[in-house]
Amino acid sequence: MNALMSYQKSLLALLPQGSAWLRDDDGKIALLMRGLAEEFARIDTRAQQLIDESLPSGVIELLERWEADYGLPDSCSSVVQTFDQRISALEQKYKLYGSQSRAFLVSLVDAYGLIANISEYKEAVFGGDFGGYFWGTDWAFVVQFDIEIPDTITDIDSTKSILECSIARILHAHKYPIFVYGGAPDGALSYNGAYLTYNGAYLTYNP
């Protein structure tokens, strides 16, 4: 039973008993109660919409108010954003609770509708395994994001730009974020060679 019929039935049940209060489905009294029930059903619908808007994932009408509360658009926002991009930026800000854990960083990437795996490195020390690369000191601070972009993402370049800016802004200042969208990291001069440069950072290791 939908809300309209439920309210109509409730209103008819509140009427006095007697032959003057006929409750036929097509009677005038039933139609009158149906008209009154429409407003109650409308209020019900709007109340549910308000509940839905209490979380960023359900925001439609109150998006501008949410953005004002969370300081959006910010320096990582593109000049022109689609509605979905604005929602993603809001969800990302909403999930910012101050952590550097893998789960936290993955959740931020997930807020943009992307999938991420995180790789971290450590400086090679005496007694380590032979046969691998000898990672230099700087690599101990590298956080590599291997990003999978679903086919549902249309504005890929804009999404990449906003994501990378957001991650770089919250990651500890001594760490180097590297973003990989398949293959070698963007900006790599020699990923498996003697050096790697990324966004101005110069990271070295001895192969």
N, C-alpha and C. Protein backbone atom coordinates (compact mmCIF):
# COMPACT_ATOMS: atom_id res chain seq x y z
N MET A 1 0.85 -1.19 0.00
CA MET A 1 0.00 0.00 0.00
C MET A 1 0.88 1.24 0.00
N ASN A 2 0.65 2.14 -0.99
CA ASN A 2 1.47 3.35 -1.04
C ASN A 2 1.00 4.36 0.00
N ALA A 3 1.81 5.42 0.14
CA ALA A 3 1.54 6.41 1.19
C ALA A 3 0.19 7.09 0.99
N LEU A 4 -0.16 7.37 -0.25
CA LEU A 4 -1.43 8.06 -0.53
C LEU A 4 -2.61 7.22 -0.05
N MET A 5 -2.65 5.96 -0.43
CA MET A 5 -3.75 5.09 -0.03
C MET A 5 -3.76 4.87 1.48
N SER A 6 -2.57 4.79 2.07
CA SER A 6 -2.48 4.58 3.51
C SER A 6 -3.06 5.76 4.28
N TYR A 7 -2.72 6.97 3.84
CA TYR A 7 -3.27 8.16 4.50
C TYR A 7 -4.77 8.29 4.26
N GLN A 8 -5.22 7.97 3.07
CA GLN A 8 -6.66 8.02 2.80
C GLN A 8 -7.41 7.07 3.71
N LYS A 9 -6.90 5.86 3.88
CA LYS A 9 -7.53 4.87 4.75
C LYS A 9 -7.54 5.36 6.19
N SER A 10 -6.45 5.98 6.64
CA SER A 10 -6.37 6.48 8.01
C SER A 10 -7.36 7.61 8.25
N LEU A 11 -7.48 8.52 7.27
CA LEU A 11 -8.42 9.63 7.42
C LEU A 11 -9.86 9.15 7.44
N LEU A 12 -10.20 8.17 6.60
CA LEU A 12 -11.55 7.62 6.60
C LEU A 12 -11.86 6.94 7.93
N ALA A 13 -10.87 6.30 8.54
CA ALA A 13 -11.07 5.61 9.81
C ALA A 13 -11.35 6.59 10.94
N LEU A 14 -10.94 7.85 10.79
CA LEU A 14 -11.15 8.85 11.84
C LEU A 14 -12.55 9.48 11.80
N LEU A 15 -13.29 9.23 10.71
CA LEU A 15 -14.62 9.82 10.57
C LEU A 15 -15.63 9.14 11.49
N PRO A 16 -16.69 9.87 11.85
CA PRO A 16 -17.74 9.26 12.70
C PRO A 16 -18.39 8.08 11.99
N GLN A 17 -19.01 7.22 12.77
CA GLN A 17 -19.75 6.09 12.22
C GLN A 17 -21.17 6.53 11.88
N GLY A 18 -21.78 5.86 10.92
CA GLY A 18 -23.15 6.17 10.57
C GLY A 18 -23.36 6.21 9.07
N SER A 19 -24.62 6.15 8.67
CA SER A 19 -24.96 6.09 7.25
C SER A 19 -24.63 7.38 6.51
N ALA A 20 -24.47 8.47 7.25
CA ALA A 20 -24.14 9.75 6.59
C ALA A 20 -22.68 9.79 6.16
N TRP A 21 -21.88 8.86 6.64
CA TRP A 21 -20.44 8.87 6.35
C TRP A 21 -20.07 7.63 5.54
N LEU A 22 -20.64 7.55 4.38
CA LEU A 22 -20.37 6.41 3.51
C LEU A 22 -18.90 6.39 3.09
N ARG A 23 -18.33 5.21 3.11
CA ARG A 23 -16.90 5.08 2.80
C ARG A 23 -16.64 4.33 1.49
N ASP A 24 -17.57 4.42 0.55
CA ASP A 24 -17.37 3.78 -0.74
C ASP A 24 -16.12 4.34 -1.41
N ASP A 25 -15.42 3.48 -2.11
CA ASP A 25 -14.16 3.88 -2.74
C ASP A 25 -14.33 5.05 -3.70
N ASP A 26 -15.46 5.08 -4.39
CA ASP A 26 -15.70 6.14 -5.36
C ASP A 26 -16.65 7.22 -4.83
N GLY A 27 -16.96 7.14 -3.54
CA GLY A 27 -17.86 8.13 -2.97
C GLY A 27 -17.19 9.48 -2.77
N LYS A 28 -18.03 10.50 -2.56
CA LYS A 28 -17.50 11.86 -2.42
C LYS A 28 -16.61 12.00 -1.18
N ILE A 29 -17.00 11.34 -0.09
CA ILE A 29 -16.21 11.44 1.14
C ILE A 29 -14.84 10.79 0.93
N ALA A 30 -14.83 9.64 0.26
CA ALA A 30 -13.56 8.96 0.00
C ALA A 30 -12.67 9.81 -0.90
N LEU A 31 -13.28 10.46 -1.90
CA LEU A 31 -12.50 11.31 -2.78
C LEU A 31 -11.97 12.54 -2.04
N LEU A 32 -12.80 13.07 -1.12
CA LEU A 32 -12.35 14.21 -0.32
C LEU A 32 -11.15 13.82 0.54
N MET A 33 -11.25 12.66 1.19
CA MET A 33 -10.14 12.19 2.04
C MET A 33 -8.89 11.90 1.20
N ARG A 34 -9.12 11.45 -0.03
CA ARG A 34 -7.98 11.20 -0.93
C ARG A 34 -7.27 12.52 -1.26
N GLY A 35 -8.08 13.57 -1.46
CA GLY A 35 -7.48 14.89 -1.73
C GLY A 35 -6.66 15.39 -0.55
N LEU A 36 -7.19 15.20 0.66
CA LEU A 36 -6.43 15.59 1.86
C LEU A 36 -5.19 14.72 2.03
N ALA A 37 -5.32 13.45 1.69
CA ALA A 37 -4.21 12.51 1.85
C ALA A 37 -3.03 12.86 0.94
N GLU A 38 -3.30 13.48 -0.20
CA GLU A 38 -2.24 13.84 -1.14
C GLU A 38 -1.22 14.78 -0.49
N GLU A 39 -1.69 15.70 0.34
CA GLU A 39 -0.77 16.63 1.00
C GLU A 39 0.09 15.91 2.05
N PHE A 40 -0.54 15.00 2.80
CA PHE A 40 0.23 14.24 3.78
C PHE A 40 1.28 13.36 3.10
N ALA A 41 0.91 12.76 1.96
CA ALA A 41 1.85 11.93 1.22
C ALA A 41 2.99 12.77 0.65
N ARG A 42 2.67 14.00 0.21
CA ARG A 42 3.70 14.90 -0.31
C ARG A 42 4.69 15.28 0.79
N ILE A 43 4.16 15.56 2.00
CA ILE A 43 5.02 15.90 3.13
C ILE A 43 5.91 14.71 3.48
N ASP A 44 5.36 13.50 3.43
CA ASP A 44 6.13 12.29 3.69
C ASP A 44 7.31 12.17 2.72
N THR A 45 7.01 12.41 1.45
CA THR A 45 8.05 12.31 0.41
C THR A 45 9.14 13.33 0.64
N ARG A 46 8.75 14.57 0.95
CA ARG A 46 9.73 15.63 1.19
C ARG A 46 10.57 15.34 2.44
N ALA A 47 9.94 14.75 3.45
CA ALA A 47 10.68 14.41 4.67
C ALA A 47 11.74 13.35 4.36
N GLN A 48 11.38 12.36 3.53
CA GLN A 48 12.35 11.34 3.15
C GLN A 48 13.49 11.94 2.33
N GLN A 49 13.15 12.89 1.46
CA GLN A 49 14.19 13.56 0.68
C GLN A 49 15.14 14.33 1.59
N LEU A 50 14.61 14.94 2.64
CA LEU A 50 15.45 15.65 3.60
C LEU A 50 16.38 14.69 4.32
N ILE A 51 15.89 13.50 4.66
CA ILE A 51 16.73 12.48 5.29
C ILE A 51 17.83 12.05 4.33
N ASP A 52 17.47 11.86 3.06
CA ASP A 52 18.46 11.47 2.06
C ASP A 52 19.55 12.53 1.91
N GLU A 53 19.19 13.79 2.06
CA GLU A 53 20.14 14.89 1.89
C GLU A 53 21.03 15.08 3.13
N SER A 54 20.83 14.26 4.15
CA SER A 54 21.65 14.39 5.36
C SER A 54 23.03 13.76 5.18
N LEU A 55 23.25 13.07 4.07
CA LEU A 55 24.56 12.50 3.73
C LEU A 55 24.96 12.97 2.33
N PRO A 56 26.24 13.20 2.10
CA PRO A 56 26.69 13.69 0.79
C PRO A 56 26.25 12.82 -0.38
N SER A 57 26.18 11.51 -0.17
CA SER A 57 25.82 10.60 -1.26
C SER A 57 24.40 10.81 -1.75
N GLY A 58 23.55 11.45 -0.94
CA GLY A 58 22.16 11.66 -1.34
C GLY A 58 21.82 13.11 -1.63
N VAL A 59 22.83 13.99 -1.65
CA VAL A 59 22.58 15.42 -1.81
C VAL A 59 22.17 15.76 -3.24
N ILE A 60 21.13 16.55 -3.37
CA ILE A 60 20.71 17.09 -4.66
C ILE A 60 20.39 18.58 -4.49
N GLU A 61 19.38 18.87 -3.71
CA GLU A 61 18.92 20.24 -3.57
C GLU A 61 19.82 21.09 -2.66
N LEU A 62 20.44 20.47 -1.66
CA LEU A 62 21.20 21.22 -0.66
C LEU A 62 22.70 21.21 -0.94
N LEU A 63 23.09 20.93 -2.18
CA LEU A 63 24.51 20.82 -2.50
C LEU A 63 25.26 22.12 -2.21
N GLU A 64 24.70 23.26 -2.57
CA GLU A 64 25.38 24.53 -2.35
C GLU A 64 25.59 24.79 -0.86
N ARG A 65 24.64 24.43 -0.02
CA ARG A 65 24.79 24.61 1.43
C ARG A 65 25.89 23.70 1.97
N TRP A 66 25.92 22.45 1.50
CA TRP A 66 26.98 21.54 1.91
C TRP A 66 28.33 22.09 1.50
N GLU A 67 28.44 22.58 0.27
CA GLU A 67 29.70 23.12 -0.22
C GLU A 67 30.15 24.31 0.61
N ALA A 68 29.22 25.16 1.00
CA ALA A 68 29.57 26.31 1.82
C ALA A 68 30.10 25.87 3.18
N ASP A 69 29.50 24.83 3.76
CA ASP A 69 29.93 24.32 5.07
C ASP A 69 31.32 23.69 5.00
N TYR A 70 31.66 23.10 3.86
CA TYR A 70 32.93 22.38 3.74
C TYR A 70 33.97 23.14 2.92
N GLY A 71 33.72 24.42 2.67
CA GLY A 71 34.71 25.25 1.99
C GLY A 71 34.97 24.87 0.55
N LEU A 72 33.94 24.49 -0.16
CA LEU A 72 34.05 24.12 -1.57
C LEU A 72 33.35 25.15 -2.43
N PRO A 73 33.83 25.36 -3.66
CA PRO A 73 35.02 24.75 -4.27
C PRO A 73 36.30 25.31 -3.65
N ASP A 74 37.37 24.47 -3.64
CA ASP A 74 38.63 24.88 -3.06
C ASP A 74 39.72 24.93 -4.14
N SER A 75 40.97 25.02 -3.70
CA SER A 75 42.08 25.17 -4.65
C SER A 75 42.27 23.95 -5.54
N CYS A 76 41.73 22.80 -5.14
CA CYS A 76 41.87 21.59 -5.94
C CYS A 76 40.71 21.40 -6.92
N SER A 77 39.72 22.27 -6.85
CA SER A 77 38.57 22.15 -7.72
C SER A 77 38.86 22.77 -9.08
N SER A 78 38.33 22.14 -10.11
CA SER A 78 38.48 22.71 -11.45
C SER A 78 37.57 23.92 -11.59
N VAL A 79 37.85 24.74 -12.59
CA VAL A 79 37.06 25.96 -12.79
C VAL A 79 35.60 25.62 -13.04
N VAL A 80 35.37 24.63 -13.90
CA VAL A 80 34.01 24.18 -14.21
C VAL A 80 33.89 22.72 -13.81
N GLN A 81 32.99 22.43 -12.89
CA GLN A 81 32.79 21.06 -12.43
C GLN A 81 31.39 20.58 -12.78
N THR A 82 31.30 19.31 -13.12
CA THR A 82 30.00 18.70 -13.32
C THR A 82 29.37 18.44 -11.95
N PHE A 83 28.09 18.14 -11.96
CA PHE A 83 27.39 17.85 -10.70
C PHE A 83 28.03 16.66 -10.00
N ASP A 84 28.37 15.60 -10.75
CA ASP A 84 28.98 14.41 -10.15
C ASP A 84 30.34 14.73 -9.55
N GLN A 85 31.12 15.60 -10.20
CA GLN A 85 32.42 15.99 -9.67
C GLN A 85 32.27 16.78 -8.37
N ARG A 86 31.25 17.62 -8.31
CA ARG A 86 31.01 18.38 -7.08
C ARG A 86 30.63 17.44 -5.94
N ILE A 87 29.81 16.43 -6.24
CA ILE A 87 29.44 15.45 -5.23
C ILE A 87 30.66 14.67 -4.76
N SER A 88 31.52 14.28 -5.70
CA SER A 88 32.73 13.53 -5.36
C SER A 88 33.64 14.35 -4.46
N ALA A 89 33.81 15.65 -4.79
CA ALA A 89 34.65 16.53 -3.97
C ALA A 89 34.07 16.67 -2.56
N LEU A 90 32.75 16.76 -2.48
CA LEU A 90 32.09 16.87 -1.17
C LEU A 90 32.28 15.59 -0.37
N GLU A 91 32.11 14.42 -0.99
CA GLU A 91 32.30 13.16 -0.29
C GLU A 91 33.74 13.02 0.21
N GLN A 92 34.68 13.48 -0.62
CA GLN A 92 36.09 13.41 -0.23
C GLN A 92 36.34 14.26 1.01
N LYS A 93 35.81 15.50 1.01
CA LYS A 93 35.97 16.37 2.17
C LYS A 93 35.25 15.79 3.40
N TYR A 94 34.10 15.19 3.18
CA TYR A 94 33.30 14.63 4.27
C TYR A 94 34.04 13.49 4.97
N LYS A 95 34.84 12.73 4.21
CA LYS A 95 35.56 11.59 4.76
C LYS A 95 36.90 11.96 5.36
N LEU A 96 37.26 13.23 5.29
CA LEU A 96 38.54 13.66 5.85
C LEU A 96 38.45 13.69 7.38
N TYR A 97 38.94 12.67 8.02
CA TYR A 97 38.91 12.65 9.49
C TYR A 97 40.30 12.62 10.08
N GLY A 98 41.34 12.83 9.27
CA GLY A 98 42.69 12.96 9.79
C GLY A 98 43.39 11.65 10.02
N SER A 99 43.83 11.00 8.96
CA SER A 99 44.55 9.74 9.08
C SER A 99 45.48 9.59 7.90
N GLN A 100 46.50 8.76 8.07
CA GLN A 100 47.42 8.46 6.98
C GLN A 100 47.42 6.95 6.69
N SER A 101 46.43 6.25 7.17
CA SER A 101 46.36 4.81 6.96
C SER A 101 46.00 4.49 5.52
N ARG A 102 46.31 3.27 5.10
CA ARG A 102 45.96 2.83 3.76
C ARG A 102 44.44 2.90 3.54
N ALA A 103 43.69 2.42 4.53
CA ALA A 103 42.23 2.40 4.40
C ALA A 103 41.68 3.80 4.20
N PHE A 104 42.24 4.76 4.92
CA PHE A 104 41.79 6.14 4.79
C PHE A 104 42.09 6.68 3.39
N LEU A 105 43.30 6.47 2.90
CA LEU A 105 43.68 6.99 1.58
C LEU A 105 42.88 6.30 0.48
N VAL A 106 42.66 5.00 0.62
CA VAL A 106 41.85 4.29 -0.38
C VAL A 106 40.42 4.81 -0.38
N SER A 107 39.88 5.15 0.80
CA SER A 107 38.51 5.67 0.88
C SER A 107 38.39 7.02 0.18
N LEU A 108 39.46 7.83 0.22
CA LEU A 108 39.43 9.11 -0.47
C LEU A 108 39.39 8.93 -1.97
N VAL A 109 40.19 7.98 -2.47
CA VAL A 109 40.17 7.69 -3.90
C VAL A 109 38.80 7.14 -4.30
N ASP A 110 38.24 6.30 -3.44
CA ASP A 110 36.93 5.70 -3.71
C ASP A 110 35.85 6.77 -3.80
N ALA A 111 36.00 7.87 -3.07
CA ALA A 111 35.01 8.95 -3.10
C ALA A 111 34.89 9.57 -4.48
N TYR A 112 35.92 9.43 -5.31
CA TYR A 112 35.89 9.94 -6.68
C TYR A 112 35.44 8.89 -7.67
N GLY A 113 34.98 7.76 -7.17
CA GLY A 113 34.52 6.70 -8.05
C GLY A 113 35.64 5.90 -8.67
N LEU A 114 36.84 5.97 -8.09
CA LEU A 114 38.01 5.27 -8.60
C LEU A 114 38.40 4.14 -7.66
N ILE A 115 39.27 3.26 -8.15
CA ILE A 115 39.75 2.13 -7.35
C ILE A 115 41.26 2.25 -7.23
N ALA A 116 41.80 2.07 -6.01
CA ALA A 116 43.23 2.28 -5.81
C ALA A 116 43.86 1.14 -5.02
N ASN A 117 45.08 0.83 -5.40
CA ASN A 117 45.97 0.00 -4.59
C ASN A 117 47.17 0.86 -4.23
N ILE A 118 47.69 0.69 -3.02
CA ILE A 118 48.78 1.54 -2.55
C ILE A 118 50.04 0.70 -2.36
N SER A 119 51.15 1.18 -2.91
CA SER A 119 52.46 0.54 -2.72
C SER A 119 53.39 1.51 -2.00
N GLU A 120 54.13 1.00 -1.04
CA GLU A 120 55.12 1.80 -0.34
C GLU A 120 56.48 1.10 -0.43
N TYR A 121 57.53 1.87 -0.29
CA TYR A 121 58.88 1.35 -0.43
C TYR A 121 59.67 1.61 0.85
N LYS A 122 60.80 0.96 0.95
CA LYS A 122 61.68 1.22 2.09
C LYS A 122 63.13 1.22 1.59
N GLU A 123 63.93 1.97 2.26
CA GLU A 123 65.34 2.07 1.90
C GLU A 123 66.02 0.72 2.08
N ALA A 124 66.83 0.34 1.09
CA ALA A 124 67.57 -0.90 1.20
C ALA A 124 68.66 -0.77 2.27
N VAL A 125 68.81 -1.78 3.09
CA VAL A 125 69.81 -1.76 4.17
C VAL A 125 70.66 -3.03 4.08
N PHE A 126 71.77 -3.02 4.77
CA PHE A 126 72.67 -4.17 4.77
C PHE A 126 71.94 -5.40 5.32
N GLY A 127 72.12 -6.51 4.62
CA GLY A 127 71.46 -7.74 5.04
C GLY A 127 70.15 -7.99 4.33
N GLY A 128 69.76 -7.09 3.41
CA GLY A 128 68.51 -7.26 2.68
C GLY A 128 68.65 -8.32 1.60
N ASP A 129 67.55 -8.58 0.89
CA ASP A 129 67.54 -9.59 -0.16
C ASP A 129 68.40 -9.15 -1.34
N PHE A 130 69.09 -10.11 -1.95
CA PHE A 130 69.86 -9.82 -3.14
C PHE A 130 68.97 -10.00 -4.38
N GLY A 131 69.35 -9.33 -5.44
CA GLY A 131 68.65 -9.49 -6.71
C GLY A 131 67.63 -8.41 -7.00
N GLY A 132 67.24 -7.65 -5.99
CA GLY A 132 66.28 -6.57 -6.21
C GLY A 132 66.99 -5.25 -6.39
N TYR A 133 66.21 -4.20 -6.59
CA TYR A 133 66.79 -2.87 -6.75
C TYR A 133 67.22 -2.32 -5.39
N PHE A 134 68.27 -1.56 -5.42
CA PHE A 134 68.79 -0.95 -4.19
C PHE A 134 68.14 0.43 -4.04
N TRP A 135 67.00 0.45 -3.34
CA TRP A 135 66.25 1.69 -3.20
C TRP A 135 67.01 2.66 -2.31
N GLY A 136 67.10 3.91 -2.78
CA GLY A 136 67.79 4.94 -2.02
C GLY A 136 66.94 5.49 -0.89
N THR A 137 67.51 6.42 -0.14
CA THR A 137 66.85 6.97 1.04
C THR A 137 65.50 7.60 0.71
N ASP A 138 65.43 8.35 -0.39
CA ASP A 138 64.19 9.06 -0.72
C ASP A 138 63.00 8.12 -0.94
N TRP A 139 63.28 6.90 -1.39
CA TRP A 139 62.19 5.99 -1.70
C TRP A 139 61.45 5.51 -0.46
N ALA A 140 62.04 5.71 0.69
CA ALA A 140 61.35 5.34 1.93
C ALA A 140 60.12 6.21 2.16
N PHE A 141 60.04 7.32 1.42
CA PHE A 141 58.94 8.26 1.61
C PHE A 141 57.98 8.30 0.42
N VAL A 142 58.12 7.33 -0.49
CA VAL A 142 57.25 7.27 -1.66
C VAL A 142 55.98 6.50 -1.34
N VAL A 143 54.83 7.07 -1.73
CA VAL A 143 53.55 6.38 -1.65
C VAL A 143 53.00 6.32 -3.07
N GLN A 144 52.92 5.13 -3.61
CA GLN A 144 52.48 4.97 -5.00
C GLN A 144 51.02 4.54 -5.04
N PHE A 145 50.22 5.29 -5.78
CA PHE A 145 48.80 5.00 -5.95
C PHE A 145 48.59 4.39 -7.34
N ASP A 146 48.26 3.13 -7.38
CA ASP A 146 47.91 2.46 -8.64
C ASP A 146 46.40 2.60 -8.81
N ILE A 147 46.01 3.45 -9.77
CA ILE A 147 44.61 3.83 -9.91
C ILE A 147 43.96 3.11 -11.08
N GLU A 148 42.77 2.56 -10.82
CA GLU A 148 41.95 1.98 -11.87
C GLU A 148 40.77 2.91 -12.12
N ILE A 149 40.60 3.33 -13.37
CA ILE A 149 39.53 4.27 -13.72
C ILE A 149 38.40 3.50 -14.41
N PRO A 150 37.23 3.41 -13.79
CA PRO A 150 36.10 2.71 -14.41
C PRO A 150 35.63 3.41 -15.69
N ASP A 151 34.94 2.68 -16.52
CA ASP A 151 34.42 3.24 -17.77
C ASP A 151 33.36 4.31 -17.53
N THR A 152 32.81 4.34 -16.32
CA THR A 152 31.76 5.32 -16.02
C THR A 152 32.32 6.74 -15.88
N ILE A 153 33.63 6.87 -15.68
CA ILE A 153 34.26 8.19 -15.57
C ILE A 153 34.50 8.73 -16.97
N THR A 154 33.90 9.88 -17.26
CA THR A 154 34.02 10.46 -18.60
C THR A 154 35.10 11.54 -18.67
N ASP A 155 35.12 12.44 -17.70
CA ASP A 155 36.11 13.52 -17.70
C ASP A 155 37.35 13.05 -16.95
N ILE A 156 38.16 12.24 -17.61
CA ILE A 156 39.28 11.57 -16.95
C ILE A 156 40.35 12.57 -16.51
N ASP A 157 40.73 13.49 -17.40
CA ASP A 157 41.80 14.43 -17.08
C ASP A 157 41.45 15.29 -15.88
N SER A 158 40.23 15.78 -15.83
CA SER A 158 39.80 16.61 -14.71
C SER A 158 39.76 15.81 -13.42
N THR A 159 39.29 14.57 -13.49
CA THR A 159 39.23 13.71 -12.32
C THR A 159 40.63 13.44 -11.78
N LYS A 160 41.58 13.17 -12.68
CA LYS A 160 42.97 12.94 -12.27
C LYS A 160 43.54 14.16 -11.56
N SER A 161 43.31 15.33 -12.15
CA SER A 161 43.86 16.56 -11.60
C SER A 161 43.34 16.83 -10.20
N ILE A 162 42.03 16.70 -10.01
CA ILE A 162 41.42 16.96 -8.71
C ILE A 162 41.90 15.93 -7.68
N LEU A 163 41.95 14.66 -8.09
CA LEU A 163 42.39 13.60 -7.18
C LEU A 163 43.82 13.83 -6.73
N GLU A 164 44.72 14.09 -7.66
CA GLU A 164 46.14 14.25 -7.32
C GLU A 164 46.36 15.46 -6.42
N CYS A 165 45.65 16.53 -6.69
CA CYS A 165 45.76 17.72 -5.86
C CYS A 165 45.28 17.42 -4.44
N SER A 166 44.17 16.71 -4.31
CA SER A 166 43.60 16.42 -3.00
C SER A 166 44.51 15.51 -2.19
N ILE A 167 45.07 14.48 -2.83
CA ILE A 167 45.97 13.56 -2.13
C ILE A 167 47.24 14.29 -1.70
N ALA A 168 47.83 15.06 -2.62
CA ALA A 168 49.08 15.78 -2.32
C ALA A 168 48.88 16.76 -1.17
N ARG A 169 47.70 17.31 -1.04
CA ARG A 169 47.44 18.31 -0.01
C ARG A 169 47.34 17.69 1.38
N ILE A 170 46.84 16.47 1.48
CA ILE A 170 46.63 15.88 2.80
C ILE A 170 47.75 14.92 3.20
N LEU A 171 48.55 14.47 2.23
CA LEU A 171 49.63 13.55 2.55
C LEU A 171 50.72 14.28 3.32
N HIS A 172 51.38 13.61 4.22
CA HIS A 172 52.45 14.23 4.99
C HIS A 172 53.47 14.88 4.06
N ALA A 173 53.97 16.03 4.48
CA ALA A 173 54.82 16.85 3.61
C ALA A 173 56.11 16.16 3.19
N HIS A 174 56.58 15.21 3.99
CA HIS A 174 57.84 14.55 3.66
C HIS A 174 57.66 13.37 2.72
N LYS A 175 56.42 13.10 2.31
CA LYS A 175 56.16 11.96 1.42
C LYS A 175 55.96 12.41 -0.02
N TYR A 176 56.30 11.50 -0.94
CA TYR A 176 56.14 11.76 -2.37
C TYR A 176 55.00 10.89 -2.91
N PRO A 177 53.88 11.49 -3.31
CA PRO A 177 52.82 10.69 -3.93
C PRO A 177 53.11 10.46 -5.41
N ILE A 178 52.98 9.24 -5.85
CA ILE A 178 53.15 8.90 -7.26
C ILE A 178 51.87 8.22 -7.72
N PHE A 179 51.34 8.67 -8.85
CA PHE A 179 50.08 8.16 -9.34
C PHE A 179 50.31 7.38 -10.64
N VAL A 180 49.87 6.15 -10.64
CA VAL A 180 50.06 5.27 -11.79
C VAL A 180 48.69 4.86 -12.33
N TYR A 181 48.45 5.18 -13.59
CA TYR A 181 47.18 4.84 -14.24
C TYR A 181 47.42 3.77 -15.30
N GLY A 182 48.26 2.80 -14.98
CA GLY A 182 48.63 1.78 -15.94
C GLY A 182 50.00 2.07 -16.50
N GLY A 183 50.93 1.12 -16.39
CA GLY A 183 52.28 1.36 -16.88
C GLY A 183 53.12 2.11 -15.86
N ALA A 184 54.06 2.90 -16.36
CA ALA A 184 54.95 3.66 -15.50
C ALA A 184 54.25 4.91 -14.97
N PRO A 185 54.72 5.46 -13.86
CA PRO A 185 54.14 6.68 -13.31
C PRO A 185 54.24 7.84 -14.30
N ASP A 186 53.22 8.70 -14.33
CA ASP A 186 53.27 9.89 -15.17
C ASP A 186 54.45 10.75 -14.74
N GLY A 187 55.26 11.18 -15.69
CA GLY A 187 56.39 12.05 -15.39
C GLY A 187 57.66 11.30 -15.12
N ALA A 188 57.63 9.95 -15.18
CA ALA A 188 58.83 9.17 -14.89
C ALA A 188 59.80 9.27 -16.06
N LEU A 189 61.05 9.56 -15.79
CA LEU A 189 62.08 9.57 -16.81
C LEU A 189 62.72 8.19 -16.93
N SER A 190 62.83 7.51 -15.82
CA SER A 190 63.44 6.18 -15.83
C SER A 190 62.94 5.41 -14.61
N TYR A 191 61.80 4.80 -14.74
CA TYR A 191 61.17 4.15 -13.60
C TYR A 191 61.98 2.95 -13.11
N ASN A 192 62.50 2.14 -14.03
CA ASN A 192 63.29 0.98 -13.64
C ASN A 192 64.77 1.18 -13.93
N GLY A 193 65.17 2.44 -14.07
CA GLY A 193 66.57 2.73 -14.32
C GLY A 193 67.24 3.28 -13.07
N ALA A 194 68.13 4.24 -13.26
CA ALA A 194 68.93 4.73 -12.14
C ALA A 194 68.29 5.89 -11.40
N TYR A 195 67.22 6.45 -11.93
CA TYR A 195 66.63 7.61 -11.26
C TYR A 195 65.17 7.75 -11.67
N LEU A 196 64.45 8.53 -10.93
CA LEU A 196 63.06 8.82 -11.23
C LEU A 196 62.78 10.25 -10.82
N THR A 197 62.19 11.03 -11.70
CA THR A 197 61.74 12.37 -11.31
C THR A 197 60.23 12.39 -11.40
N TYR A 198 59.62 13.05 -10.44
CA TYR A 198 58.16 13.12 -10.40
C TYR A 198 57.74 14.43 -9.77
N ASN A 199 57.06 15.27 -10.56
CA ASN A 199 56.57 16.57 -10.06
C ASN A 199 57.67 17.36 -9.35
N GLY A 200 58.87 17.37 -9.92
CA GLY A 200 59.96 18.16 -9.35
C GLY A 200 60.77 17.43 -8.31
N ALA A 201 60.29 16.28 -7.82
CA ALA A 201 61.04 15.51 -6.83
C ALA A 201 62.05 14.63 -7.55
N TYR A 202 63.25 14.55 -7.04
CA TYR A 202 64.31 13.76 -7.66
C TYR A 202 64.64 12.60 -6.72
N LEU A 203 64.22 11.41 -7.10
CA LEU A 203 64.40 10.22 -6.26
C LEU A 203 65.45 9.31 -6.89
N THR A 204 66.35 8.82 -6.11
CA THR A 204 67.44 8.02 -6.68
C THR A 204 67.55 6.67 -6.01
N TYR A 205 68.01 5.71 -6.79
CA TYR A 205 68.45 4.44 -6.23
C TYR A 205 69.48 3.85 -7.17
N ASN A 206 70.23 2.90 -6.68
CA ASN A 206 71.28 2.27 -7.48
C ASN A 206 70.80 0.90 -7.93
N PRO A 207 70.67 0.67 -9.24
CA PRO A 207 70.19 -0.64 -9.71
C PRO A 207 71.26 -1.71 -9.51
